[in-house]
Structures are given as structure tokens and as C-alpha cells.
């Protein structure tokens, strides 16, 4: 059974790849928000798989939020 988190990462990554280069400020903001969301999902995935410690996870999420 596929993991819901893996599916969402896959869908979000595809959406990002399919977007044309953002031209307006709103498009750029939305693109960066989606990119931050995918990054956070990937960090959660790495934490669940034991590839990140909780401390590393918190550091990466904080850096993404900047």
C-alpha cells in the first residue's frame, strides 16, 4: 500500500516541475510556498525513515521557514 506522504511529495514535485517560470510576484510567492511545503514533507519523510534526528529535523524546518 503506497504511503500517503510519498504520494503527496510526488504530486507536489510534479506540480512544481510543470509550472512555467513564475513571472508575477504572486506566482513567485506561490512557487516558493509550494517549494517550502515539499521541503518540509521531505524532512518529515526522512525523520520517519530515521535518516534525520529530531534535532536535525527541527533545524531544517526552521531554515525552510526563513
PDB file of N, CA and C in Angstrom:
ATOM      1  N   UNK A   1       0.852  -1.184   0.000  1.00  0.00           N
ATOM      2  CA  UNK A   1       0.000   0.000   0.000  1.00  0.00           C
ATOM      3  C   UNK A   1       0.894   1.242   0.000  1.00  0.00           C
ATOM      4  N   UNK A   2       0.697   2.148  -0.953  1.00  0.00           N
ATOM      5  CA  UNK A   2       1.548   3.334  -1.025  1.00  0.00           C
ATOM      6  C   UNK A   2       1.320   4.258   0.170  1.00  0.00           C
ATOM      7  N   UNK A   3       2.368   4.912   0.557  1.00  0.00           N
ATOM      8  CA  UNK A   3       2.340   5.839   1.677  1.00  0.00           C
ATOM      9  C   UNK A   3       1.731   7.166   1.209  1.00  0.00           C
ATOM     10  N   UNK A   4       0.819   7.712   1.992  1.00  0.00           N
ATOM     11  CA  UNK A   4       0.168   8.978   1.653  1.00  0.00           C
ATOM     12  C   UNK A   4       1.201  10.098   1.548  1.00  0.00           C
ATOM     13  N   UNK A   5       2.176  10.094   2.431  1.00  0.00           N
ATOM     14  CA  UNK A   5       3.222  11.120   2.405  1.00  0.00           C
ATOM     15  C   UNK A   5       4.028  11.035   1.109  1.00  0.00           C
ATOM     16  N   UNK A   6       4.395   9.833   0.714  1.00  0.00           N
ATOM     17  CA  UNK A   6       5.134   9.656  -0.542  1.00  0.00           C
ATOM     18  C   UNK A   6       4.315  10.145  -1.739  1.00  0.00           C
ATOM     19  N   UNK A   7       3.021   9.839  -1.731  1.00  0.00           N
ATOM     20  CA  UNK A   7       2.144  10.282  -2.819  1.00  0.00           C
ATOM     21  C   UNK A   7       2.073  11.803  -2.885  1.00  0.00           C
ATOM     22  N   UNK A   8       1.948  12.432  -1.740  1.00  0.00           N
ATOM     23  CA  UNK A   8       1.845  13.897  -1.719  1.00  0.00           C
ATOM     24  C   UNK A   8       3.148  14.550  -2.168  1.00  0.00           C
ATOM     25  N   UNK A   9       4.275  13.997  -1.762  1.00  0.00           N
ATOM     26  CA  UNK A   9       5.571  14.520  -2.209  1.00  0.00           C
ATOM     27  C   UNK A   9       5.680  14.388  -3.719  1.00  0.00           C
ATOM     28  N   UNK A  10       5.277  13.261  -4.233  1.00  0.00           N
ATOM     29  CA  UNK A  10       5.337  13.026  -5.675  1.00  0.00           C
ATOM     30  C   UNK A  10       4.451  14.006  -6.436  1.00  0.00           C
ATOM     31  N   UNK A  11       3.216  14.177  -5.979  1.00  0.00           N
ATOM     32  CA  UNK A  11       2.292  15.102  -6.651  1.00  0.00           C
ATOM     33  C   UNK A  11       2.805  16.533  -6.598  1.00  0.00           C
ATOM     34  N   UNK A  12       3.298  16.946  -5.445  1.00  0.00           N
ATOM     35  CA  UNK A  12       3.803  18.315  -5.296  1.00  0.00           C
ATOM     36  C   UNK A  12       5.034  18.543  -6.159  1.00  0.00           C
ATOM     37  N   UNK A  13       5.908  17.569  -6.210  1.00  0.00           N
ATOM     38  CA  UNK A  13       7.113  17.696  -7.036  1.00  0.00           C
ATOM     39  C   UNK A  13       6.748  17.818  -8.511  1.00  0.00           C
ATOM     40  N   UNK A  14       5.766  17.050  -8.943  1.00  0.00           N
ATOM     41  CA  UNK A  14       5.314  17.126 -10.339  1.00  0.00           C
ATOM     42  C   UNK A  14       4.708  18.495 -10.622  1.00  0.00           C
ATOM     43  N   UNK A  15       3.884  18.995  -9.690  1.00  0.00           N
ATOM     44  CA  UNK A  15       3.292  20.326  -9.880  1.00  0.00           C
ATOM     45  C   UNK A  15       4.375  21.386 -10.032  1.00  0.00           C
ATOM     46  N   UNK A  16       5.411  21.306  -9.212  1.00  0.00           N
ATOM     47  CA  UNK A  16       6.497  22.283  -9.299  1.00  0.00           C
ATOM     48  C   UNK A  16       7.209  22.198 -10.642  1.00  0.00           C
ATOM     49  N   UNK A  17       7.445  20.993 -11.115  1.00  0.00           N
ATOM     50  CA  UNK A  17       8.135  20.823 -12.396  1.00  0.00           C
ATOM     51  C   UNK A  17       7.296  21.309 -13.571  1.00  0.00           C
ATOM     52  N   UNK A  18       5.988  21.187 -13.463  1.00  0.00           N
ATOM     53  CA  UNK A  18       5.108  21.572 -14.560  1.00  0.00           C
ATOM     54  C   UNK A  18       4.838  23.076 -14.627  1.00  0.00           C
ATOM     55  N   UNK A  19       5.101  23.769 -13.535  1.00  0.00           N
ATOM     56  CA  UNK A  19       4.863  25.209 -13.537  1.00  0.00           C
ATOM     57  C   UNK A  19       5.868  25.906 -14.440  1.00  0.00           C
ATOM     58  N   UNK A  20       5.352  26.846 -15.214  1.00  0.00           N
ATOM     59  CA  UNK A  20       6.256  27.681 -16.013  1.00  0.00           C
ATOM     60  C   UNK A  20       6.990  28.614 -15.054  1.00  0.00           C
ATOM     61  N   UNK A  21       8.034  29.241 -15.528  1.00  0.00           N
ATOM     62  CA  UNK A  21       8.790  30.168 -14.683  1.00  0.00           C
ATOM     63  C   UNK A  21       7.833  31.234 -14.147  1.00  0.00           C
ATOM     64  N   UNK A  22       7.780  31.373 -12.820  1.00  0.00           N
ATOM     65  CA  UNK A  22       6.860  32.363 -12.250  1.00  0.00           C
ATOM     66  C   UNK A  22       7.245  33.774 -12.696  1.00  0.00           C
ATOM     67  N   UNK A  23       6.249  34.530 -13.132  1.00  0.00           N
ATOM     68  CA  UNK A  23       6.511  35.865 -13.679  1.00  0.00           C
ATOM     69  C   UNK A  23       6.089  36.975 -12.732  1.00  0.00           C
ATOM     70  N   UNK A  24       4.948  36.806 -12.091  1.00  0.00           N
ATOM     71  CA  UNK A  24       4.455  37.858 -11.205  1.00  0.00           C
ATOM     72  C   UNK A  24       4.911  37.586  -9.775  1.00  0.00           C
ATOM     73  N   UNK A  25       4.783  38.609  -8.942  1.00  0.00           N
ATOM     74  CA  UNK A  25       5.141  38.444  -7.529  1.00  0.00           C
ATOM     75  C   UNK A  25       4.288  37.368  -6.875  1.00  0.00           C
ATOM     76  N   UNK A  26       2.991  37.328  -7.208  1.00  0.00           N
ATOM     77  CA  UNK A  26       2.106  36.306  -6.638  1.00  0.00           C
ATOM     78  C   UNK A  26       2.521  34.907  -7.075  1.00  0.00           C
ATOM     79  N   UNK A  27       2.864  34.746  -8.348  1.00  0.00           N
ATOM     80  CA  UNK A  27       3.309  33.438  -8.845  1.00  0.00           C
ATOM     81  C   UNK A  27       4.605  33.013  -8.165  1.00  0.00           C
ATOM     82  N   UNK A  28       5.522  33.943  -7.977  1.00  0.00           N
ATOM     83  CA  UNK A  28       6.787  33.620  -7.300  1.00  0.00           C
ATOM     84  C   UNK A  28       6.545  33.237  -5.849  1.00  0.00           C
ATOM     85  N   UNK A  29       5.644  33.975  -5.183  1.00  0.00           N
ATOM     86  CA  UNK A  29       5.324  33.674  -3.787  1.00  0.00           C
ATOM     87  C   UNK A  29       4.709  32.280  -3.683  1.00  0.00           C
ATOM     88  N   UNK A  30       3.743  31.974  -4.558  1.00  0.00           N
ATOM     89  CA  UNK A  30       3.099  30.659  -4.546  1.00  0.00           C
ATOM     90  C   UNK A  30       4.098  29.544  -4.841  1.00  0.00           C
ATOM     91  N   UNK A  31       4.997  29.791  -5.777  1.00  0.00           N
ATOM     92  CA  UNK A  31       6.017  28.801  -6.120  1.00  0.00           C
ATOM     93  C   UNK A  31       6.908  28.517  -4.909  1.00  0.00           C
ATOM     94  N   UNK A  32       7.356  29.573  -4.229  1.00  0.00           N
ATOM     95  CA  UNK A  32       8.224  29.385  -3.066  1.00  0.00           C
ATOM     96  C   UNK A  32       7.482  28.717  -1.907  1.00  0.00           C
ATOM     97  N   UNK A  33       6.204  29.040  -1.744  1.00  0.00           N
ATOM     98  CA  UNK A  33       5.414  28.378  -0.702  1.00  0.00           C
ATOM     99  C   UNK A  33       5.300  26.882  -0.985  1.00  0.00           C
ATOM    100  N   UNK A  34       5.049  26.532  -2.238  1.00  0.00           N
ATOM    101  CA  UNK A  34       4.946  25.114  -2.618  1.00  0.00           C
ATOM    102  C   UNK A  34       6.294  24.413  -2.439  1.00  0.00           C
ATOM    103  N   UNK A  35       7.363  25.099  -2.798  1.00  0.00           N
ATOM    104  CA  UNK A  35       8.703  24.541  -2.631  1.00  0.00           C
ATOM    105  C   UNK A  35       9.009  24.304  -1.151  1.00  0.00           C
ATOM    106  N   UNK A  36       8.661  25.263  -0.298  1.00  0.00           N
ATOM    107  CA  UNK A  36       8.854  25.103   1.146  1.00  0.00           C
ATOM    108  C   UNK A  36       8.024  23.942   1.680  1.00  0.00           C
ATOM    109  N   UNK A  37       6.803  23.807   1.181  1.00  0.00           N
ATOM    110  CA  UNK A  37       5.920  22.715   1.612  1.00  0.00           C
ATOM    111  C   UNK A  37       6.509  21.358   1.242  1.00  0.00           C
ATOM    112  N   UNK A  38       7.006  21.235   0.018  1.00  0.00           N
ATOM    113  CA  UNK A  38       7.615  19.975  -0.421  1.00  0.00           C
ATOM    114  C   UNK A  38       8.854  19.679   0.417  1.00  0.00           C
ATOM    115  N   UNK A  39       9.643  20.698   0.695  1.00  0.00           N
ATOM    116  CA  UNK A  39      10.841  20.503   1.517  1.00  0.00           C
ATOM    117  C   UNK A  39      10.459  19.984   2.896  1.00  0.00           C
ATOM    118  N   UNK A  40       9.444  20.597   3.509  1.00  0.00           N
ATOM    119  CA  UNK A  40       9.008  20.159   4.833  1.00  0.00           C
ATOM    120  C   UNK A  40       8.494  18.720   4.795  1.00  0.00           C
ATOM    121  N   UNK A  41       7.737  18.365   3.756  1.00  0.00           N
ATOM    122  CA  UNK A  41       7.251  16.987   3.629  1.00  0.00           C
ATOM    123  C   UNK A  41       8.413  16.004   3.494  1.00  0.00           C
ATOM    124  N   UNK A  42       9.426  16.386   2.739  1.00  0.00           N
ATOM    125  CA  UNK A  42      10.594  15.518   2.584  1.00  0.00           C
ATOM    126  C   UNK A  42      11.333  15.362   3.906  1.00  0.00           C
ATOM    127  N   UNK A  43      11.396  16.434   4.703  1.00  0.00           N
ATOM    128  CA  UNK A  43      12.046  16.333   6.013  1.00  0.00           C
ATOM    129  C   UNK A  43      11.268  15.396   6.928  1.00  0.00           C
ATOM    130  N   UNK A  44       9.938  15.461   6.885  1.00  0.00           N
ATOM    131  CA  UNK A  44       9.109  14.550   7.683  1.00  0.00           C
ATOM    132  C   UNK A  44       9.367  13.111   7.247  1.00  0.00           C
ATOM    133  N   UNK A  45       9.438  12.900   5.934  1.00  0.00           N
ATOM    134  CA  UNK A  45       9.703  11.565   5.403  1.00  0.00           C
ATOM    135  C   UNK A  45      11.061  11.048   5.892  1.00  0.00           C
ATOM    136  N   UNK A  46      12.079  11.895   5.844  1.00  0.00           N
ATOM    137  CA  UNK A  46      13.415  11.494   6.296  1.00  0.00           C
ATOM    138  C   UNK A  46      13.420  11.204   7.791  1.00  0.00           C
ATOM    139  N   UNK A  47      12.674  11.994   8.566  1.00  0.00           N
ATOM    140  CA  UNK A  47      12.577  11.764  10.008  1.00  0.00           C
ATOM    141  C   UNK A  47      11.915  10.414  10.274  1.00  0.00           C
ATOM    142  N   UNK A  48      10.824  10.119   9.562  1.00  0.00           N
ATOM    143  CA  UNK A  48      10.116   8.848   9.745  1.00  0.00           C
ATOM    144  C   UNK A  48      10.984   7.650   9.393  1.00  0.00           C
ATOM    145  N   UNK A  49      11.858   7.818   8.403  1.00  0.00           N
ATOM    146  CA  UNK A  49      12.726   6.720   7.976  1.00  0.00           C
ATOM    147  C   UNK A  49      14.008   6.633   8.796  1.00  0.00           C
ATOM    148  N   UNK A  50      14.175   7.541   9.751  1.00  0.00           N
ATOM    149  CA  UNK A  50      15.357   7.512  10.605  1.00  0.00           C
ATOM    150  C   UNK A  50      16.592   8.126   9.970  1.00  0.00           C
ATOM    151  N   UNK A  51      16.413   8.855   8.869  1.00  0.00           N
ATOM    152  CA  UNK A  51      17.556   9.477   8.195  1.00  0.00           C
ATOM    153  C   UNK A  51      17.902  10.829   8.809  1.00  0.00           C
ATOM    154  N   UNK A  52      16.992  11.381   9.602  1.00  0.00           N
ATOM    155  CA  UNK A  52      17.225  12.630  10.320  1.00  0.00           C
ATOM    156  C   UNK A  52      16.908  12.411  11.789  1.00  0.00           C
ATOM    157  N   UNK A  53      17.702  13.020  12.648  1.00  0.00           N
ATOM    158  CA  UNK A  53      17.372  13.010  14.069  1.00  0.00           C
ATOM    159  C   UNK A  53      16.333  14.104  14.307  1.00  0.00           C
ATOM    160  N   UNK A  54      15.636  14.058  15.431  1.00  0.00           N
ATOM    161  CA  UNK A  54      14.668  15.125  15.718  1.00  0.00           C
ATOM    162  C   UNK A  54      15.317  16.517  15.723  1.00  0.00           C
ATOM    163  N   UNK A  55      16.549  16.605  16.211  1.00  0.00           N
ATOM    164  CA  UNK A  55      17.247  17.894  16.234  1.00  0.00           C
ATOM    165  C   UNK A  55      17.529  18.387  14.819  1.00  0.00           C
ATOM    166  N   UNK A  56      17.995  17.490  13.950  1.00  0.00           N
ATOM    167  CA  UNK A  56      18.258  17.862  12.555  1.00  0.00           C
ATOM    168  C   UNK A  56      16.963  18.278  11.854  1.00  0.00           C
ATOM    169  N   UNK A  57      15.899  17.565  12.152  1.00  0.00           N
ATOM    170  CA  UNK A  57      14.601  17.885  11.569  1.00  0.00           C
ATOM    171  C   UNK A  57      14.183  19.307  11.934  1.00  0.00           C
ATOM    172  N   UNK A  58      14.270  19.640  13.222  1.00  0.00           N
ATOM    173  CA  UNK A  58      13.870  20.977  13.672  1.00  0.00           C
ATOM    174  C   UNK A  58      14.736  22.062  13.038  1.00  0.00           C
ATOM    175  N   UNK A  59      16.035  21.802  12.913  1.00  0.00           N
ATOM    176  CA  UNK A  59      16.926  22.778  12.282  1.00  0.00           C
ATOM    177  C   UNK A  59      16.536  23.006  10.827  1.00  0.00           C
ATOM    178  N   UNK A  60      16.288  21.936  10.101  1.00  0.00           N
ATOM    179  CA  UNK A  60      15.938  22.060   8.681  1.00  0.00           C
ATOM    180  C   UNK A  60      14.601  22.774   8.498  1.00  0.00           C
ATOM    181  N   UNK A  61      13.636  22.465   9.340  1.00  0.00           N
ATOM    182  CA  UNK A  61      12.333  23.121   9.238  1.00  0.00           C
ATOM    183  C   UNK A  61      12.468  24.611   9.550  1.00  0.00           C
ATOM    184  N   UNK A  62      13.268  24.951  10.550  1.00  0.00           N
ATOM    185  CA  UNK A  62      13.486  26.362  10.874  1.00  0.00           C
ATOM    186  C   UNK A  62      14.149  27.089   9.713  1.00  0.00           C
ATOM    187  N   UNK A  63      15.129  26.462   9.077  1.00  0.00           N
ATOM    188  CA  UNK A  63      15.799  27.092   7.939  1.00  0.00           C
ATOM    189  C   UNK A  63      14.846  27.275   6.764  1.00  0.00           C
ATOM    190  N   UNK A  64      13.962  26.321   6.570  1.00  0.00           N
ATOM    191  CA  UNK A  64      12.990  26.414   5.481  1.00  0.00           C
ATOM    192  C   UNK A  64      12.024  27.568   5.730  1.00  0.00           C
ATOM    193  N   UNK A  65      11.703  27.812   6.990  1.00  0.00           N
ATOM    194  CA  UNK A  65      10.736  28.855   7.331  1.00  0.00           C
ATOM    195  C   UNK A  65      11.308  30.263   7.187  1.00  0.00           C
ATOM    196  N   UNK A  66      12.606  30.389   7.055  1.00  0.00           N
ATOM    197  CA  UNK A  66      13.204  31.733   6.952  1.00  0.00           C
ATOM    198  C   UNK A  66      12.907  32.407   5.653  1.00  0.00           C
TER     199      UNK A  66
END
